[in-house]
Amino acid sequence: MTNRNLFPLLMLMVIFSPLAIDIFLPALPNMAQSFSVPLPKMQWSITVFLLSMGVGQLLSGPLADRYGRRPIAISGVIIYCVSSILSAFSNSLEFFLIFRIAQGFGACAIVVTAFACVRDRYDPLQSGVMYSYLNSAICCIPALAPLLGNILTAQYGWRSNFEFMAFYAACAGVIIAFILPETRPSTTVRHKKLITIKSFTSIIIHPVFFFNAIVVMLTMAIILAYVSSSPAWLMVHLGQNQQTFVFWFSLNAAINIVACFFAPKVLITLGVRKTIGLGMGILLVAGLLMFALLDWNNSIGFMLPVMISSIGISLLMGSCSGQALSPFGNNAGTASALLGFIQMSGAAILVSLLQLLPLNVPEQFALLTLMLLPVYVLWKLPKIKKILYKVAVEQPLT
């Protein structure tokens, strides 16, 4: 299979994760009523999913390096499908969260395989471009999934959202099983022990990986804070109905799609360093604007900074993910898993801790974006730039 033909299959694989996050968002009030719990408690259904996705990658990444990409991806699809069915039939929040954790493990196996396949087939700069295009596909889901979820919930109840996830997993799983090639390089490092601290520490201490992983984690935390808290903020605090929530969520997703479409062109034109700097700068502007509009207390005052941040996020996610994995051609699965762990679990823990503070949703969002400020200041130091962009990798970085 050529690299060009591989892309649609990778796109099919990375959709698993955002589908499990976004399709049931309009149904959260119905689910809270069904489980007889407050709406904020339903936000845990998103947090535990991302947390398990992150932790699970520490296992699925080394497994993908040892046994290959195909078997791990197929196993992930099976776990995802079964846990989706069990989620649909849950009668309590506790069991529902357990099955969501299992669903996260399944999704992480699929996603880490897709990312490893990119690193297997593409060089560092091309990987950044490919991640940006995959992010474009991922961003289509927040635009379309809530629309579908709103229809499914209205017609068949909230459980139909998880039945749809199982249906998608079954259909996509058949395609993956028959078409996905084995891309693991013959030079892949396979340790005697499946998981060793040494295999992870040698990656995390690499300055290129560490810096870009931190930026990806903070960016993911901003996304998680918005996705998990915006339903309660818009539909409960601001009194918007489901249709209005879907409108704002889809509008932001549409902006994200357009931004992700242009992100590879920006990356090729400006180079890695300037693209990352531009992305961090835009996020900092969005955070300052959110602080400035706190007194507005309406949908526009909340969503305008969010939509600006989507542009910065689109520039950072692909560029930083590609750069983080660039030095690790011989253990891409393990490196991809560690990046996913830091991104998903780190973001979930950070947002969970932030939600314990006496801050409202816009204040949490603004604080998260401004956490990038010390990272941005550090990145501007000439010595740090020299380390990050002159470190020997497989090809010179622009």
Protein backbone atom coordinates (compact mmCIF):
# COMPACT_ATOMS: atom_id res chain seq x y z
CA MET A 1 0.00 0.00 0.00
CA THR A 2 1.38 3.41 -0.96
CA ASN A 3 1.61 6.29 1.49
CA ARG A 4 -1.13 8.12 -0.40
CA ASN A 5 -3.50 5.15 -0.12
CA LEU A 6 -2.65 4.67 3.55
CA PHE A 7 -3.98 8.09 4.57
CA PRO A 8 -7.75 7.31 4.24
CA LEU A 9 -7.26 4.22 6.40
CA LEU A 10 -5.40 6.20 9.06
CA MET A 11 -8.19 8.76 8.96
CA LEU A 12 -10.70 5.99 9.61
CA MET A 13 -8.66 4.91 12.63
CA VAL A 14 -8.13 8.28 14.32
CA ILE A 15 -11.88 9.01 14.19
CA PHE A 16 -12.56 6.40 16.91
CA SER A 17 -11.40 8.69 19.70
CA PRO A 18 -13.26 11.96 18.90
CA LEU A 19 -16.39 10.00 18.02
CA ALA A 20 -16.43 8.54 21.54
CA ILE A 21 -16.09 12.05 22.99
CA ASP A 22 -18.35 14.23 20.86
CA ILE A 23 -21.35 12.27 19.63
CA PHE A 24 -23.12 12.03 23.00
CA LEU A 25 -22.42 15.59 24.26
CA PRO A 26 -25.97 16.85 23.43
CA ALA A 27 -27.33 13.89 25.41
CA LEU A 28 -25.46 14.68 28.64
CA PRO A 29 -28.51 16.31 30.35
CA ASN A 30 -30.63 13.28 29.42
CA MET A 31 -27.96 10.91 30.70
CA ALA A 32 -27.66 12.81 33.98
CA GLN A 33 -31.41 12.50 34.42
CA SER A 34 -31.34 8.80 33.50
CA PHE A 35 -28.59 8.04 36.03
CA SER A 36 -30.07 10.44 38.61
CA VAL A 37 -26.83 12.39 39.02
CA PRO A 38 -25.94 16.10 38.67
CA LEU A 39 -24.83 17.16 35.18
CA PRO A 40 -21.26 18.06 36.28
CA LYS A 41 -20.77 14.42 37.32
CA MET A 42 -21.41 13.34 33.75
CA GLN A 43 -18.26 15.24 32.75
CA TRP A 44 -16.34 12.33 34.26
CA SER A 45 -17.47 10.24 31.30
CA ILE A 46 -15.10 12.31 29.16
CA THR A 47 -12.28 12.64 31.69
CA VAL A 48 -12.02 8.91 32.51
CA PHE A 49 -12.11 8.08 28.79
CA LEU A 50 -9.12 10.33 28.09
CA LEU A 51 -7.33 9.16 31.23
CA SER A 52 -7.64 5.51 30.23
CA MET A 53 -6.61 6.39 26.67
CA GLY A 54 -3.42 7.90 28.02
CA VAL A 55 -2.57 5.13 30.48
CA GLY A 56 -3.45 2.43 27.98
CA GLN A 57 -0.95 3.74 25.48
CA LEU A 58 1.91 2.85 27.81
CA LEU A 59 0.95 -0.76 27.14
CA SER A 60 -0.37 -0.61 23.57
CA GLY A 61 2.70 1.27 22.26
CA PRO A 62 5.25 -1.36 23.35
CA LEU A 63 2.83 -4.07 22.20
CA ALA A 64 2.71 -2.45 18.76
CA ASP A 65 6.52 -2.42 18.64
CA ARG A 66 6.76 -6.07 19.69
CA TYR A 67 3.87 -7.71 17.84
CA GLY A 68 3.22 -5.26 15.01
CA ARG A 69 0.68 -2.56 14.21
CA ARG A 70 -2.07 -4.74 12.72
CA PRO A 71 -2.86 -7.09 15.63
CA ILE A 72 -2.90 -4.24 18.16
CA ALA A 73 -5.19 -2.11 15.99
CA ILE A 74 -7.63 -5.00 15.44
CA SER A 75 -7.63 -5.87 19.16
CA GLY A 76 -8.40 -2.24 19.96
CA VAL A 77 -11.36 -2.22 17.60
CA ILE A 78 -12.82 -5.33 19.27
CA ILE A 79 -12.45 -3.82 22.77
CA TYR A 80 -13.97 -0.54 21.58
CA CYS A 81 -16.95 -2.28 19.97
CA VAL A 82 -17.77 -4.49 22.98
CA SER A 83 -17.39 -1.67 25.52
CA SER A 84 -19.63 0.58 23.40
CA ILE A 85 -22.39 -2.04 23.52
CA LEU A 86 -21.97 -2.45 27.28
CA SER A 87 -22.07 1.33 27.75
CA ALA A 88 -25.36 1.45 25.88
CA PHE A 89 -26.90 -1.03 28.30
CA SER A 90 -25.52 0.52 31.52
CA ASN A 91 -28.06 1.20 34.27
CA SER A 92 -25.80 3.11 36.66
CA LEU A 93 -23.14 5.77 36.36
CA GLU A 94 -20.56 3.51 38.04
CA PHE A 95 -20.90 0.72 35.47
CA PHE A 96 -21.09 3.26 32.66
CA LEU A 97 -17.75 4.80 33.72
CA ILE A 98 -16.14 1.36 33.93
CA PHE A 99 -17.16 0.60 30.36
CA ARG A 100 -15.98 4.05 29.26
CA ILE A 101 -12.57 3.22 30.73
CA ALA A 102 -12.53 0.03 28.67
CA GLN A 103 -13.59 2.01 25.60
CA GLY A 104 -10.66 4.35 26.19
CA PHE A 105 -8.25 1.40 26.26
CA GLY A 106 -9.63 0.20 22.94
CA ALA A 107 -9.41 3.65 21.36
CA CYS A 108 -5.85 4.17 22.51
CA ALA A 109 -4.70 0.94 20.84
CA ILE A 110 -6.18 2.12 17.54
CA VAL A 111 -4.83 5.68 17.76
CA VAL A 112 -1.31 4.76 18.87
CA THR A 113 -1.15 2.33 15.95
CA ALA A 114 -2.22 5.04 13.49
CA PHE A 115 0.39 7.49 14.83
CA ALA A 116 3.08 4.81 14.73
CA CYS A 117 2.17 4.04 11.11
CA VAL A 118 2.70 7.70 10.25
CA ARG A 119 6.14 7.67 11.86
CA ASP A 120 6.92 4.36 10.11
CA ARG A 121 6.21 5.73 6.64
CA TYR A 122 7.06 9.47 6.77
CA ASP A 123 10.09 11.63 7.67
CA PRO A 124 9.85 14.27 10.46
CA LEU A 125 8.59 17.17 8.33
CA GLN A 126 6.17 14.97 6.40
CA SER A 127 4.96 13.51 9.70
CA GLY A 128 4.02 16.97 10.91
CA VAL A 129 2.11 17.57 7.69
CA MET A 130 0.35 14.21 7.99
CA TYR A 131 -0.60 14.82 11.62
CA SER A 132 -2.08 18.16 10.57
CA TYR A 133 -4.17 16.50 7.88
CA LEU A 134 -5.28 13.81 10.34
CA ASN A 135 -6.23 16.55 12.77
CA SER A 136 -8.41 17.98 9.99
CA ALA A 137 -10.23 14.66 9.83
CA ILE A 138 -10.46 14.52 13.62
CA CYS A 139 -11.93 18.03 13.70
CA CYS A 140 -14.73 17.03 11.34
CA ILE A 141 -16.14 14.84 14.10
CA PRO A 142 -16.89 17.66 16.59
CA ALA A 143 -18.74 19.41 13.75
CA LEU A 144 -20.79 16.42 12.61
CA ALA A 145 -21.03 14.05 15.60
CA PRO A 146 -23.10 16.37 17.86
CA LEU A 147 -25.54 16.89 15.00
CA LEU A 148 -25.93 13.15 14.61
CA GLY A 149 -26.01 12.66 18.38
CA ASN A 150 -28.75 15.26 18.73
CA ILE A 151 -30.88 13.42 16.17
CA LEU A 152 -30.21 9.99 17.67
CA THR A 153 -30.98 11.22 21.18
CA ALA A 154 -34.23 12.89 20.11
CA GLN A 155 -35.43 9.88 18.12
CA TYR A 156 -34.07 6.87 20.01
CA GLY A 157 -32.67 8.06 23.36
CA TRP A 158 -29.12 8.59 24.59
CA ARG A 159 -28.19 4.90 24.44
CA SER A 160 -28.41 4.95 20.64
CA ASN A 161 -25.23 7.06 20.55
CA PHE A 162 -23.22 4.19 21.95
CA GLU A 163 -24.96 1.69 19.71
CA PHE A 164 -23.83 3.83 16.78
CA MET A 165 -20.23 3.73 18.09
CA ALA A 166 -20.42 -0.07 18.16
CA PHE A 167 -21.79 -0.09 14.61
CA TYR A 168 -18.97 2.16 13.40
CA ALA A 169 -16.38 -0.02 15.12
CA ALA A 170 -17.79 -3.14 13.46
CA CYS A 171 -17.75 -1.58 9.97
CA ALA A 172 -14.36 0.10 10.33
CA GLY A 173 -12.93 -3.02 11.95
CA VAL A 174 -13.71 -5.14 8.90
CA ILE A 175 -11.96 -2.59 6.65
CA ILE A 176 -8.92 -2.36 8.94
CA ALA A 177 -8.64 -6.15 9.20
CA PHE A 178 -8.58 -6.59 5.42
CA ILE A 179 -6.62 -3.53 4.30
CA LEU A 180 -4.24 -2.25 7.01
CA PRO A 181 -0.68 -3.30 6.12
CA GLU A 182 2.01 -4.07 8.64
CA THR A 183 4.25 -0.99 8.68
CA ARG A 184 6.54 -1.83 11.60
CA PRO A 185 10.17 -1.42 10.41
CA SER A 186 12.47 -4.42 10.68
CA THR A 187 14.83 -2.25 12.75
CA THR A 188 12.23 -1.67 15.48
CA VAL A 189 13.73 -2.10 18.94
CA ARG A 190 12.00 -4.88 20.87
CA HIS A 191 13.01 -5.09 24.53
CA LYS A 192 13.01 -8.38 26.40
CA LYS A 193 10.58 -6.93 28.90
CA LEU A 194 7.39 -5.46 27.43
CA ILE A 195 7.48 -2.36 29.61
CA THR A 196 10.72 -1.02 31.04
CA ILE A 197 11.44 2.31 32.65
CA LYS A 198 14.58 2.56 30.55
CA SER A 199 12.63 2.37 27.28
CA PHE A 200 10.53 5.37 28.34
CA THR A 201 13.18 7.43 30.12
CA SER A 202 15.47 7.39 27.09
CA ILE A 203 12.63 9.03 25.16
CA ILE A 204 11.33 11.53 27.70
CA ILE A 205 14.77 12.98 28.46
CA HIS A 206 15.26 13.85 24.80
CA PRO A 207 14.85 17.67 24.70
CA VAL A 208 12.92 17.69 21.41
CA PHE A 209 10.43 15.14 22.71
CA PHE A 210 10.07 16.69 26.17
CA PHE A 211 9.39 20.24 24.98
CA ASN A 212 6.91 19.27 22.28
CA ALA A 213 5.14 16.76 24.56
CA ILE A 214 4.55 19.50 27.15
CA VAL A 215 3.08 21.81 24.51
CA VAL A 216 0.84 18.99 23.20
CA MET A 217 -0.33 18.20 26.76
CA LEU A 218 -1.27 21.81 27.51
CA THR A 219 -3.02 22.10 24.15
CA MET A 220 -4.98 18.91 24.84
CA ALA A 221 -5.91 20.23 28.29
CA ILE A 222 -7.44 23.31 26.66
CA ILE A 223 -9.47 21.07 24.34
CA LEU A 224 -10.58 18.84 27.22
CA ALA A 225 -11.59 21.79 29.40
CA TYR A 226 -13.77 23.11 26.59
CA VAL A 227 -15.30 19.78 25.56
CA SER A 228 -16.06 18.55 29.09
CA SER A 229 -17.36 21.81 30.54
CA SER A 230 -19.00 23.66 27.64
CA PRO A 231 -22.25 21.59 27.73
CA ALA A 232 -22.87 22.55 31.37
CA TRP A 233 -21.76 26.16 30.82
CA LEU A 234 -23.78 26.78 27.67
CA MET A 235 -26.88 24.67 28.36
CA VAL A 236 -27.20 25.09 32.14
CA HIS A 237 -25.45 28.29 33.20
CA LEU A 238 -26.29 30.32 30.07
CA GLY A 239 -29.63 28.57 29.47
CA GLN A 240 -29.03 27.56 25.84
CA ASN A 241 -31.03 24.66 24.36
CA GLN A 242 -29.51 21.60 22.69
CA GLN A 243 -29.85 23.06 19.20
CA THR A 244 -28.01 26.26 20.17
CA PHE A 245 -25.26 24.23 21.86
CA VAL A 246 -24.86 22.12 18.72
CA PHE A 247 -24.66 25.32 16.64
CA TRP A 248 -21.82 26.80 18.69
CA PHE A 249 -19.99 23.49 18.96
CA SER A 250 -20.27 22.88 15.21
CA LEU A 251 -19.23 26.44 14.34
CA ASN A 252 -16.08 26.09 16.42
CA ALA A 253 -15.39 22.70 14.85
CA ALA A 254 -15.84 24.17 11.37
CA ILE A 255 -13.24 26.86 12.17
CA ASN A 256 -10.97 24.10 13.45
CA ILE A 257 -11.41 22.13 10.22
CA VAL A 258 -10.47 25.12 8.07
CA ALA A 259 -7.51 25.94 10.29
CA CYS A 260 -6.27 22.33 10.23
CA PHE A 261 -6.60 22.31 6.44
CA PHE A 262 -4.29 25.33 6.16
CA ALA A 263 -1.94 24.24 8.98
CA PRO A 264 0.19 21.97 6.72
CA LYS A 265 0.58 24.80 4.22
CA VAL A 266 1.66 27.13 7.03
CA LEU A 267 4.08 24.47 8.30
CA ILE A 268 5.66 24.04 4.87
CA THR A 269 5.82 27.80 4.26
CA LEU A 270 7.05 29.02 7.66
CA GLY A 271 8.88 25.95 8.87
CA VAL A 272 8.56 24.14 12.18
CA ARG A 273 9.94 26.80 14.53
CA LYS A 274 7.86 29.73 13.30
CA THR A 275 4.69 27.63 13.08
CA ILE A 276 5.01 26.50 16.70
CA GLY A 277 5.71 30.06 17.83
CA LEU A 278 2.70 31.38 15.93
CA GLY A 279 0.44 28.70 17.43
CA MET A 280 1.52 29.47 21.00
CA GLY A 281 1.11 33.20 20.37
CA ILE A 282 -2.47 32.77 19.13
CA LEU A 283 -3.38 30.66 22.18
CA LEU A 284 -2.00 33.29 24.52
CA VAL A 285 -4.08 35.96 22.75
CA ALA A 286 -7.17 33.76 23.17
CA GLY A 287 -6.51 33.39 26.89
CA LEU A 288 -6.09 37.12 27.41
CA LEU A 289 -9.28 37.77 25.44
CA MET A 290 -11.19 35.27 27.60
CA PHE A 291 -10.08 37.17 30.70
CA ALA A 292 -11.10 40.47 29.10
CA LEU A 293 -14.61 39.15 28.27
CA LEU A 294 -15.37 37.49 31.61
CA ASP A 295 -17.98 40.13 32.48
CA TRP A 296 -19.94 39.50 29.27
CA ASN A 297 -21.39 36.24 30.65
CA ASN A 298 -22.94 35.23 27.33
CA SER A 299 -22.30 32.74 24.52
CA ILE A 300 -20.30 35.12 22.33
CA GLY A 301 -18.03 36.20 25.18
CA PHE A 302 -17.22 32.53 25.84
CA MET A 303 -17.08 31.15 22.31
CA LEU A 304 -15.09 33.93 20.60
CA PRO A 305 -11.85 33.19 22.52
CA VAL A 306 -12.51 29.47 22.12
CA MET A 307 -12.76 29.84 18.34
CA ILE A 308 -9.54 31.87 18.22
CA SER A 309 -7.81 29.22 20.29
CA SER A 310 -8.88 26.58 17.75
CA ILE A 311 -6.64 28.25 15.19
CA GLY A 312 -3.63 28.09 17.51
CA ILE A 313 -4.42 24.49 18.44
CA SER A 314 -4.52 23.46 14.78
CA LEU A 315 -1.02 24.87 14.26
CA LEU A 316 0.45 23.22 17.34
CA MET A 317 -0.99 19.70 17.46
CA GLY A 318 0.39 18.41 14.16
CA SER A 319 3.67 20.33 14.27
CA CYS A 320 4.54 19.41 17.86
CA SER A 321 3.42 15.77 17.51
CA GLY A 322 5.57 15.33 14.41
CA GLN A 323 8.59 16.92 16.08
CA ALA A 324 8.17 14.97 19.32
CA LEU A 325 8.36 11.65 17.45
CA SER A 326 10.98 12.70 14.90
CA PRO A 327 14.07 11.29 16.68
CA PHE A 328 12.53 7.84 17.28
CA GLY A 329 12.30 5.97 14.00
CA ASN A 330 13.42 2.71 15.61
CA ASN A 331 10.84 2.70 18.42
CA ALA A 332 7.98 4.79 17.08
CA GLY A 333 5.33 2.73 18.85
CA THR A 334 6.82 3.30 22.30
CA ALA A 335 7.50 6.98 21.58
CA SER A 336 3.98 7.48 20.24
CA ALA A 337 2.57 5.74 23.31
CA LEU A 338 4.53 7.94 25.70
CA LEU A 339 3.43 11.04 23.81
CA GLY A 340 -0.18 9.87 23.97
CA PHE A 341 0.12 9.14 27.69
CA ILE A 342 1.47 12.61 28.45
CA GLN A 343 -1.08 14.20 26.14
CA MET A 344 -4.20 12.37 27.32
CA SER A 345 -3.54 11.46 30.95
CA GLY A 346 -1.58 14.61 31.70
CA ALA A 347 -4.37 16.76 30.28
CA ALA A 348 -7.07 14.79 32.14
CA ILE A 349 -5.26 15.13 35.48
CA LEU A 350 -4.52 18.82 34.92
CA VAL A 351 -8.13 19.64 34.04
CA SER A 352 -9.49 17.55 36.93
CA LEU A 353 -7.28 19.42 39.40
CA LEU A 354 -8.24 22.73 37.86
CA GLN A 355 -11.94 21.91 38.23
CA LEU A 356 -11.43 21.56 41.98
CA LEU A 357 -10.58 25.26 42.20
CA PRO A 358 -13.33 27.84 42.79
CA LEU A 359 -13.20 28.97 39.16
CA ASN A 360 -15.95 29.06 36.55
CA VAL A 361 -15.50 27.51 33.11
CA PRO A 362 -14.21 30.65 31.28
CA GLU A 363 -11.71 31.29 34.08
CA GLN A 364 -10.46 27.69 33.87
CA PHE A 365 -10.09 27.98 30.11
CA ALA A 366 -8.22 31.29 30.35
CA LEU A 367 -5.88 29.97 33.04
CA LEU A 368 -5.02 26.90 30.96
CA THR A 369 -4.12 28.95 27.89
CA LEU A 370 -1.92 31.28 29.93
CA MET A 371 -0.02 28.26 31.29
CA LEU A 372 1.68 28.35 27.90
CA LEU A 373 3.24 31.72 28.76
CA PRO A 374 6.30 30.37 30.66
CA VAL A 375 6.73 27.71 27.95
CA TYR A 376 6.62 30.42 25.28
CA VAL A 377 9.12 32.61 27.17
CA LEU A 378 11.45 29.62 27.60
CA TRP A 379 11.09 28.75 23.92
CA LYS A 380 12.14 32.27 22.93
CA LEU A 381 15.52 31.91 24.65
CA PRO A 382 18.28 31.52 22.01
CA LYS A 383 19.94 28.62 23.86
CA ILE A 384 16.68 26.67 24.03
CA LYS A 385 15.98 27.25 20.33
CA LYS A 386 19.46 26.03 19.48
CA ILE A 387 18.90 22.83 21.48
CA LEU A 388 15.44 22.16 20.02
CA TYR A 389 16.14 22.92 16.39
CA LYS A 390 19.78 21.91 16.04
CA VAL A 391 19.60 18.56 17.82
CA ALA A 392 20.53 15.85 15.38
CA VAL A 393 17.52 13.92 14.13
CA GLU A 394 16.91 12.11 10.89
CA GLN A 395 17.05 15.32 8.86
CA PRO A 396 17.68 19.00 9.62
CA LEU A 397 14.71 20.87 11.01
CA THR A 398 13.76 24.24 9.54
